[in-house]
């Protein structure tokens, strides 16, 4: 395996491994988890809270319809 990287003012822009080039990104999803270049979990926590709130709201609407 051969690795190289292009640098611009000290910041990695691309990583090349063999014949594959990977661009630098601020964040991406991997196995359902948001990973950031700052190794921060705040966005992941916010995303999971939004998802949980949406699920809770859907259940509450379904329960309310069932009661009526």
Protein backbone atom coordinates (compact mmCIF):
# COMPACT_ATOMS: atom_id res chain seq x y z
CA UNK A 1 0.00 0.00 0.00
CA UNK A 2 1.33 3.41 -0.97
CA UNK A 3 0.02 6.52 0.76
CA UNK A 4 0.58 10.17 -0.07
CA UNK A 5 -1.13 13.43 0.68
CA UNK A 6 -1.36 16.87 -0.89
CA UNK A 7 -0.99 19.72 1.54
CA UNK A 8 -2.09 23.32 1.27
CA UNK A 9 -0.98 25.70 4.05
CA UNK A 10 -0.64 22.77 6.47
CA UNK A 11 -4.16 21.40 5.91
CA UNK A 12 -4.58 18.04 4.23
CA UNK A 13 -6.77 18.43 1.15
CA UNK A 14 -6.59 14.88 -0.25
CA UNK A 15 -5.30 11.49 0.82
CA UNK A 16 -4.24 9.00 -1.79
CA UNK A 17 -4.02 5.27 -1.05
CA UNK A 18 -2.83 3.17 -3.98
CA UNK A 19 -5.07 4.31 -6.86
CA UNK A 20 -7.85 5.79 -4.72
CA UNK A 21 -8.04 9.47 -3.78
CA UNK A 22 -10.14 10.66 -0.83
CA UNK A 23 -11.18 14.28 -0.46
CA UNK A 24 -11.15 16.10 2.88
CA UNK A 25 -14.65 16.70 4.27
CA UNK A 26 -16.00 18.41 7.39
CA UNK A 27 -18.28 15.51 8.35
CA UNK A 28 -19.67 12.23 7.01
CA UNK A 29 -21.90 9.36 8.05
CA UNK A 30 -20.26 6.00 8.78
CA UNK A 31 -22.39 3.05 9.90
CA UNK A 32 -25.16 5.48 10.86
CA UNK A 33 -22.95 7.72 13.00
CA UNK A 34 -21.89 11.23 12.03
CA UNK A 35 -18.12 11.68 12.23
CA UNK A 36 -16.56 15.16 12.10
CA UNK A 37 -13.08 16.43 11.39
CA UNK A 38 -13.06 17.94 14.92
CA UNK A 39 -13.99 14.59 16.50
CA UNK A 40 -17.04 16.28 18.02
CA UNK A 41 -20.17 14.38 19.05
CA UNK A 42 -22.50 17.37 19.50
CA UNK A 43 -24.04 17.03 16.02
CA UNK A 44 -24.51 13.28 16.53
CA UNK A 45 -26.31 13.92 19.83
CA UNK A 46 -28.55 16.57 18.21
CA UNK A 47 -29.36 14.21 15.34
CA UNK A 48 -30.31 11.38 17.70
CA UNK A 49 -32.46 13.71 19.83
CA UNK A 50 -34.31 14.94 16.72
CA UNK A 51 -34.88 11.36 15.61
CA UNK A 52 -36.12 10.32 19.05
CA UNK A 53 -38.43 13.34 19.28
CA UNK A 54 -39.90 12.59 15.84
CA UNK A 55 -40.54 8.98 16.85
CA UNK A 56 -42.12 10.04 20.15
CA UNK A 57 -44.38 12.52 18.34
CA UNK A 58 -45.48 9.85 15.83
CA UNK A 59 -46.38 7.47 18.65
CA UNK A 60 -48.31 10.19 20.49
CA UNK A 61 -50.31 10.99 17.33
CA UNK A 62 -51.10 7.28 16.83
CA UNK A 63 -52.19 6.89 20.46
CA UNK A 64 -54.39 9.98 20.24
CA UNK A 65 -56.09 8.64 17.07
CA UNK A 66 -56.65 5.30 18.78
CA UNK A 67 -58.32 7.00 21.79
CA UNK A 68 -60.70 9.02 19.59
